[in-house]
Amino acid sequence: MAEKIFVGRRKTSVARVILKSGNGKITVNNKEFEEFFPQLLSREDILLPFKLTETEGKYDVQVNVKGGGTTGQAQSVRLGIARALIDINPEFRLKLKADGLLTRDPRMVERKKYGQPKARKRFQFSKR
């Protein structure tokens, strides 16, 4: 079977996910899953697609993630895993779609405008 790469994105983070049948080992950028994501919330976020589809411990995951912060990276990995699970079993689509795991979060950082110190903040206004 040919190796397929599934991409998940969030803000500026891009995760490339490879899913293989195995015993549940997750490797992120050649590091252990727990070592790369020390925050419990991020780890739970990544494991959510497996919990919903009841496939915990059935697949090995190899991830390469770049850009963004830890939360953005975790959510991009989650999207990549969800897309990979659908490719393996299309019946998972309804469960994952119901919890919003197949939707790419469109929110991005708003750009800074000229004449302002930040995107929405204004310089102090002086009437006189």
N, C-alpha and C. Protein backbone atom coordinates (compact mmCIF):
# COMPACT_ATOMS: atom_id res chain seq x y z
N MET A 1 0.83 -1.19 0.00
CA MET A 1 0.00 0.00 0.00
C MET A 1 0.87 1.25 0.00
N ALA A 2 0.54 2.19 -0.87
CA ALA A 2 1.31 3.43 -0.97
C ALA A 2 1.03 4.32 0.24
N GLU A 3 2.04 5.04 0.66
CA GLU A 3 1.93 5.93 1.80
C GLU A 3 1.22 7.21 1.39
N LYS A 4 0.19 7.59 2.12
CA LYS A 4 -0.53 8.82 1.83
C LYS A 4 -0.25 9.84 2.91
N ILE A 5 -0.07 11.09 2.49
CA ILE A 5 0.16 12.17 3.43
C ILE A 5 -1.09 13.04 3.47
N PHE A 6 -1.58 13.31 4.67
CA PHE A 6 -2.76 14.14 4.85
C PHE A 6 -2.34 15.43 5.53
N VAL A 7 -2.86 16.54 5.02
CA VAL A 7 -2.45 17.85 5.51
C VAL A 7 -3.56 18.47 6.35
N GLY A 8 -3.16 19.02 7.50
CA GLY A 8 -4.08 19.79 8.34
C GLY A 8 -3.46 21.16 8.57
N ARG A 9 -4.29 22.20 8.55
CA ARG A 9 -3.79 23.56 8.75
C ARG A 9 -4.61 24.28 9.80
N ARG A 10 -3.95 25.21 10.50
CA ARG A 10 -4.62 26.09 11.47
C ARG A 10 -3.74 27.31 11.66
N LYS A 11 -4.27 28.50 11.42
CA LYS A 11 -3.51 29.76 11.44
C LYS A 11 -2.31 29.62 10.52
N THR A 12 -1.08 29.70 11.05
CA THR A 12 0.09 29.57 10.18
C THR A 12 0.74 28.20 10.30
N SER A 13 0.10 27.30 11.02
CA SER A 13 0.65 25.97 11.24
C SER A 13 0.21 24.99 10.15
N VAL A 14 1.15 24.16 9.69
CA VAL A 14 0.86 23.14 8.69
C VAL A 14 1.36 21.80 9.22
N ALA A 15 0.47 20.81 9.28
CA ALA A 15 0.83 19.47 9.76
C ALA A 15 0.65 18.46 8.64
N ARG A 16 1.68 17.65 8.43
CA ARG A 16 1.61 16.56 7.46
C ARG A 16 1.54 15.26 8.25
N VAL A 17 0.46 14.51 8.04
CA VAL A 17 0.18 13.32 8.86
C VAL A 17 0.22 12.06 8.02
N ILE A 18 0.91 11.03 8.53
CA ILE A 18 0.92 9.71 7.91
C ILE A 18 0.36 8.73 8.94
N LEU A 19 -0.69 8.00 8.55
CA LEU A 19 -1.36 7.06 9.45
C LEU A 19 -1.12 5.64 8.96
N LYS A 20 -0.64 4.78 9.86
CA LYS A 20 -0.41 3.37 9.53
C LYS A 20 -1.03 2.51 10.63
N SER A 21 -1.44 1.31 10.29
CA SER A 21 -1.97 0.43 11.33
C SER A 21 -0.83 0.03 12.25
N GLY A 22 -1.12 0.02 13.54
CA GLY A 22 -0.08 -0.28 14.53
C GLY A 22 -0.67 -0.38 15.92
N ASN A 23 0.09 0.12 16.91
CA ASN A 23 -0.34 -0.01 18.30
C ASN A 23 -0.61 1.33 18.99
N GLY A 24 -0.73 2.41 18.24
CA GLY A 24 -1.08 3.70 18.83
C GLY A 24 0.08 4.63 19.13
N LYS A 25 1.25 4.37 18.54
CA LYS A 25 2.41 5.22 18.79
C LYS A 25 2.30 6.49 17.95
N ILE A 26 2.45 7.64 18.60
CA ILE A 26 2.37 8.92 17.90
C ILE A 26 3.72 9.62 17.99
N THR A 27 4.27 9.96 16.82
CA THR A 27 5.55 10.64 16.74
C THR A 27 5.34 11.99 16.06
N VAL A 28 5.81 13.06 16.70
CA VAL A 28 5.68 14.41 16.13
C VAL A 28 7.08 14.98 15.96
N ASN A 29 7.45 15.29 14.72
CA ASN A 29 8.79 15.81 14.39
C ASN A 29 9.90 14.95 15.00
N ASN A 30 9.76 13.64 14.87
CA ASN A 30 10.72 12.64 15.38
C ASN A 30 10.89 12.69 16.90
N LYS A 31 9.90 13.20 17.61
CA LYS A 31 9.91 13.20 19.07
C LYS A 31 8.66 12.47 19.54
N GLU A 32 8.70 12.03 20.79
CA GLU A 32 7.52 11.40 21.37
C GLU A 32 6.40 12.43 21.48
N PHE A 33 5.19 11.96 21.32
CA PHE A 33 3.99 12.79 21.36
C PHE A 33 3.91 13.61 22.66
N GLU A 34 4.14 12.96 23.80
CA GLU A 34 4.06 13.62 25.11
C GLU A 34 5.17 14.65 25.29
N GLU A 35 6.31 14.40 24.66
CA GLU A 35 7.45 15.30 24.77
C GLU A 35 7.22 16.57 23.94
N PHE A 36 6.64 16.41 22.76
CA PHE A 36 6.43 17.54 21.86
C PHE A 36 5.28 18.42 22.33
N PHE A 37 4.21 17.81 22.86
CA PHE A 37 3.05 18.54 23.37
C PHE A 37 2.93 18.29 24.87
N PRO A 38 3.63 19.07 25.71
CA PRO A 38 3.57 18.84 27.16
C PRO A 38 2.22 19.22 27.78
N GLN A 39 1.45 20.09 27.11
CA GLN A 39 0.15 20.50 27.65
C GLN A 39 -0.89 19.40 27.46
N LEU A 40 -1.60 19.09 28.52
CA LEU A 40 -2.62 18.04 28.48
C LEU A 40 -3.74 18.38 27.51
N LEU A 41 -4.13 19.65 27.45
CA LEU A 41 -5.22 20.09 26.57
C LEU A 41 -4.88 19.83 25.10
N SER A 42 -3.62 20.10 24.73
CA SER A 42 -3.19 19.87 23.34
C SER A 42 -3.21 18.38 23.01
N ARG A 43 -2.76 17.55 23.96
CA ARG A 43 -2.74 16.10 23.73
C ARG A 43 -4.16 15.54 23.59
N GLU A 44 -5.07 16.02 24.44
CA GLU A 44 -6.47 15.57 24.36
C GLU A 44 -7.10 15.99 23.04
N ASP A 45 -6.73 17.20 22.58
CA ASP A 45 -7.24 17.72 21.31
C ASP A 45 -6.83 16.82 20.15
N ILE A 46 -5.59 16.36 20.17
CA ILE A 46 -5.06 15.51 19.10
C ILE A 46 -5.70 14.12 19.13
N LEU A 47 -5.95 13.59 20.31
CA LEU A 47 -6.51 12.24 20.44
C LEU A 47 -8.02 12.19 20.23
N LEU A 48 -8.68 13.34 20.15
CA LEU A 48 -10.13 13.40 19.99
C LEU A 48 -10.67 12.62 18.79
N PRO A 49 -10.06 12.72 17.59
CA PRO A 49 -10.59 11.93 16.46
C PRO A 49 -10.59 10.42 16.72
N PHE A 50 -9.56 9.93 17.43
CA PHE A 50 -9.48 8.50 17.75
C PHE A 50 -10.57 8.11 18.75
N LYS A 51 -10.82 8.98 19.75
CA LYS A 51 -11.85 8.69 20.75
C LYS A 51 -13.24 8.63 20.12
N LEU A 52 -13.52 9.58 19.23
CA LEU A 52 -14.84 9.63 18.60
C LEU A 52 -15.10 8.44 17.69
N THR A 53 -14.04 7.97 17.02
CA THR A 53 -14.20 6.84 16.09
C THR A 53 -13.88 5.50 16.74
N GLU A 54 -13.55 5.53 18.04
CA GLU A 54 -13.22 4.32 18.81
C GLU A 54 -12.09 3.52 18.17
N THR A 55 -11.04 4.24 17.75
CA THR A 55 -9.88 3.59 17.12
C THR A 55 -8.60 3.86 17.91
N GLU A 56 -8.72 4.12 19.21
CA GLU A 56 -7.54 4.39 20.03
C GLU A 56 -6.64 3.16 20.07
N GLY A 57 -5.35 3.37 19.83
CA GLY A 57 -4.38 2.28 19.88
C GLY A 57 -4.37 1.38 18.67
N LYS A 58 -5.08 1.72 17.62
CA LYS A 58 -5.11 0.88 16.42
C LYS A 58 -4.20 1.38 15.31
N TYR A 59 -3.81 2.65 15.39
CA TYR A 59 -3.00 3.24 14.32
C TYR A 59 -1.78 3.96 14.88
N ASP A 60 -0.67 3.85 14.15
CA ASP A 60 0.53 4.62 14.45
C ASP A 60 0.46 5.90 13.63
N VAL A 61 0.83 7.01 14.25
CA VAL A 61 0.76 8.30 13.57
C VAL A 61 2.15 8.91 13.52
N GLN A 62 2.52 9.36 12.32
CA GLN A 62 3.79 10.04 12.14
C GLN A 62 3.46 11.44 11.62
N VAL A 63 3.89 12.46 12.36
CA VAL A 63 3.51 13.84 12.03
C VAL A 63 4.74 14.71 11.84
N ASN A 64 4.67 15.58 10.82
CA ASN A 64 5.67 16.63 10.64
C ASN A 64 4.89 17.94 10.68
N VAL A 65 5.18 18.77 11.67
CA VAL A 65 4.41 20.02 11.83
C VAL A 65 5.36 21.21 11.86
N LYS A 66 4.96 22.28 11.16
CA LYS A 66 5.78 23.49 11.08
C LYS A 66 4.91 24.72 11.28
N GLY A 67 5.50 25.76 11.83
CA GLY A 67 4.85 27.06 11.95
C GLY A 67 3.85 27.14 13.08
N GLY A 68 3.54 28.38 13.46
CA GLY A 68 2.52 28.61 14.48
C GLY A 68 2.97 28.29 15.89
N GLY A 69 2.03 28.36 16.81
CA GLY A 69 2.29 28.05 18.21
C GLY A 69 1.80 26.66 18.56
N THR A 70 1.86 26.32 19.82
CA THR A 70 1.53 24.95 20.24
C THR A 70 0.06 24.61 20.00
N THR A 71 -0.85 25.54 20.30
CA THR A 71 -2.28 25.26 20.11
C THR A 71 -2.62 25.12 18.64
N GLY A 72 -2.10 26.01 17.82
CA GLY A 72 -2.34 25.94 16.37
C GLY A 72 -1.78 24.66 15.78
N GLN A 73 -0.60 24.26 16.26
CA GLN A 73 0.01 23.01 15.78
C GLN A 73 -0.84 21.82 16.18
N ALA A 74 -1.31 21.80 17.42
CA ALA A 74 -2.13 20.68 17.90
C ALA A 74 -3.42 20.57 17.09
N GLN A 75 -4.05 21.70 16.79
CA GLN A 75 -5.30 21.66 16.04
C GLN A 75 -5.08 21.31 14.58
N SER A 76 -3.92 21.67 14.03
CA SER A 76 -3.63 21.28 12.65
C SER A 76 -3.36 19.77 12.57
N VAL A 77 -2.72 19.22 13.59
CA VAL A 77 -2.48 17.77 13.65
C VAL A 77 -3.83 17.04 13.77
N ARG A 78 -4.72 17.58 14.59
CA ARG A 78 -6.05 16.98 14.77
C ARG A 78 -6.81 16.91 13.45
N LEU A 79 -6.77 17.98 12.66
CA LEU A 79 -7.45 18.00 11.37
C LEU A 79 -6.83 16.98 10.41
N GLY A 80 -5.49 16.89 10.40
CA GLY A 80 -4.81 15.92 9.54
C GLY A 80 -5.17 14.49 9.90
N ILE A 81 -5.25 14.19 11.19
CA ILE A 81 -5.61 12.84 11.65
C ILE A 81 -7.06 12.52 11.26
N ALA A 82 -7.96 13.49 11.43
CA ALA A 82 -9.37 13.28 11.07
C ALA A 82 -9.51 12.98 9.58
N ARG A 83 -8.78 13.71 8.75
CA ARG A 83 -8.83 13.47 7.30
C ARG A 83 -8.27 12.10 6.94
N ALA A 84 -7.22 11.69 7.65
CA ALA A 84 -6.62 10.38 7.39
C ALA A 84 -7.58 9.25 7.79
N LEU A 85 -8.27 9.41 8.91
CA LEU A 85 -9.22 8.39 9.36
C LEU A 85 -10.37 8.22 8.38
N ILE A 86 -10.81 9.30 7.78
CA ILE A 86 -11.89 9.23 6.78
C ILE A 86 -11.43 8.47 5.54
N ASP A 87 -10.18 8.66 5.16
CA ASP A 87 -9.65 7.94 4.00
C ASP A 87 -9.62 6.44 4.27
N ILE A 88 -9.31 6.06 5.52
CA ILE A 88 -9.26 4.65 5.89
C ILE A 88 -10.67 4.05 5.94
N ASN A 89 -11.60 4.78 6.58
CA ASN A 89 -12.98 4.30 6.70
C ASN A 89 -13.95 5.47 6.50
N PRO A 90 -14.58 5.57 5.33
CA PRO A 90 -15.50 6.68 5.04
C PRO A 90 -16.71 6.77 5.99
N GLU A 91 -17.00 5.70 6.72
CA GLU A 91 -18.12 5.73 7.66
C GLU A 91 -17.86 6.65 8.85
N PHE A 92 -16.59 6.98 9.10
CA PHE A 92 -16.23 7.87 10.21
C PHE A 92 -16.63 9.32 9.95
N ARG A 93 -16.93 9.65 8.69
CA ARG A 93 -17.21 11.04 8.31
C ARG A 93 -18.32 11.67 9.15
N LEU A 94 -19.42 10.95 9.35
CA LEU A 94 -20.56 11.51 10.09
C LEU A 94 -20.20 11.85 11.53
N LYS A 95 -19.48 10.94 12.20
CA LYS A 95 -19.08 11.17 13.60
C LYS A 95 -18.16 12.38 13.71
N LEU A 96 -17.17 12.44 12.82
CA LEU A 96 -16.19 13.53 12.88
C LEU A 96 -16.80 14.87 12.46
N LYS A 97 -17.67 14.83 11.46
CA LYS A 97 -18.32 16.05 10.97
C LYS A 97 -19.24 16.64 12.04
N ALA A 98 -19.93 15.77 12.78
CA ALA A 98 -20.86 16.22 13.82
C ALA A 98 -20.15 17.02 14.91
N ASP A 99 -18.92 16.66 15.22
CA ASP A 99 -18.15 17.38 16.24
C ASP A 99 -17.24 18.45 15.65
N GLY A 100 -17.37 18.71 14.36
CA GLY A 100 -16.62 19.80 13.72
C GLY A 100 -15.14 19.55 13.52
N LEU A 101 -14.75 18.29 13.45
CA LEU A 101 -13.33 17.98 13.30
C LEU A 101 -12.86 18.00 11.85
N LEU A 102 -13.78 18.15 10.90
CA LEU A 102 -13.39 18.18 9.49
C LEU A 102 -13.37 19.59 8.93
N THR A 103 -13.71 20.56 9.77
CA THR A 103 -13.76 21.95 9.32
C THR A 103 -12.45 22.64 9.63
N ARG A 104 -11.86 23.25 8.61
CA ARG A 104 -10.63 24.01 8.79
C ARG A 104 -11.03 25.36 9.39
N ASP A 105 -10.51 25.70 10.55
CA ASP A 105 -10.84 26.95 11.22
C ASP A 105 -10.33 28.12 10.39
N PRO A 106 -11.21 28.97 9.85
CA PRO A 106 -10.77 30.02 8.93
C PRO A 106 -10.18 31.26 9.61
N ARG A 107 -10.23 31.32 10.93
CA ARG A 107 -9.75 32.53 11.62
C ARG A 107 -8.24 32.68 11.48
N MET A 108 -7.85 33.86 11.02
CA MET A 108 -6.43 34.18 10.87
C MET A 108 -6.16 35.49 11.60
N VAL A 109 -4.88 35.81 11.80
CA VAL A 109 -4.51 37.06 12.45
C VAL A 109 -4.83 38.21 11.51
N GLU A 110 -5.51 39.22 12.05
CA GLU A 110 -5.86 40.39 11.25
C GLU A 110 -4.61 41.24 11.02
N ARG A 111 -4.48 41.76 9.81
CA ARG A 111 -3.27 42.51 9.49
C ARG A 111 -3.26 43.88 10.16
N LYS A 112 -2.05 44.39 10.38
CA LYS A 112 -1.87 45.73 10.93
C LYS A 112 -2.15 46.74 9.83
N LYS A 113 -2.87 47.81 10.18
CA LYS A 113 -3.16 48.85 9.20
C LYS A 113 -2.24 50.05 9.43
N TYR A 114 -1.97 50.79 8.35
CA TYR A 114 -1.14 51.99 8.48
C TYR A 114 -1.94 53.06 9.23
N GLY A 115 -1.23 53.91 9.95
CA GLY A 115 -1.90 54.95 10.74
C GLY A 115 -2.43 54.43 12.07
N GLN A 116 -2.10 53.18 12.38
CA GLN A 116 -2.53 52.57 13.64
C GLN A 116 -1.37 51.74 14.19
N PRO A 117 -1.28 51.62 15.54
CA PRO A 117 -0.18 50.82 16.10
C PRO A 117 -0.38 49.31 15.93
N LYS A 118 -1.65 48.87 15.86
CA LYS A 118 -1.97 47.45 15.69
C LYS A 118 -3.13 47.32 14.71
N ALA A 119 -3.70 46.12 14.62
CA ALA A 119 -4.79 45.88 13.68
C ALA A 119 -6.02 46.75 13.98
N ARG A 120 -6.39 46.85 15.24
CA ARG A 120 -7.60 47.61 15.60
C ARG A 120 -7.34 48.76 16.55
N LYS A 121 -6.23 48.71 17.26
CA LYS A 121 -5.90 49.78 18.20
C LYS A 121 -5.59 51.07 17.44
N ARG A 122 -6.03 52.20 18.01
CA ARG A 122 -5.77 53.49 17.39
C ARG A 122 -4.73 54.25 18.23
N PHE A 123 -4.02 55.16 17.57
CA PHE A 123 -3.14 56.05 18.32
C PHE A 123 -4.01 56.98 19.16
N GLN A 124 -3.45 57.46 20.26
CA GLN A 124 -4.22 58.33 21.15
C GLN A 124 -4.67 59.58 20.41
N PHE A 125 -5.95 59.91 20.59
CA PHE A 125 -6.54 61.07 19.91
C PHE A 125 -6.51 62.27 20.84
N SER A 126 -6.02 63.39 20.33
CA SER A 126 -6.00 64.63 21.10
C SER A 126 -6.88 65.66 20.40
N LYS A 127 -7.88 66.12 21.11
CA LYS A 127 -8.82 67.07 20.52
C LYS A 127 -8.16 68.44 20.31
N ARG A 128 -7.32 68.84 21.28
CA ARG A 128 -6.65 70.15 21.19
C ARG A 128 -5.14 69.99 21.21
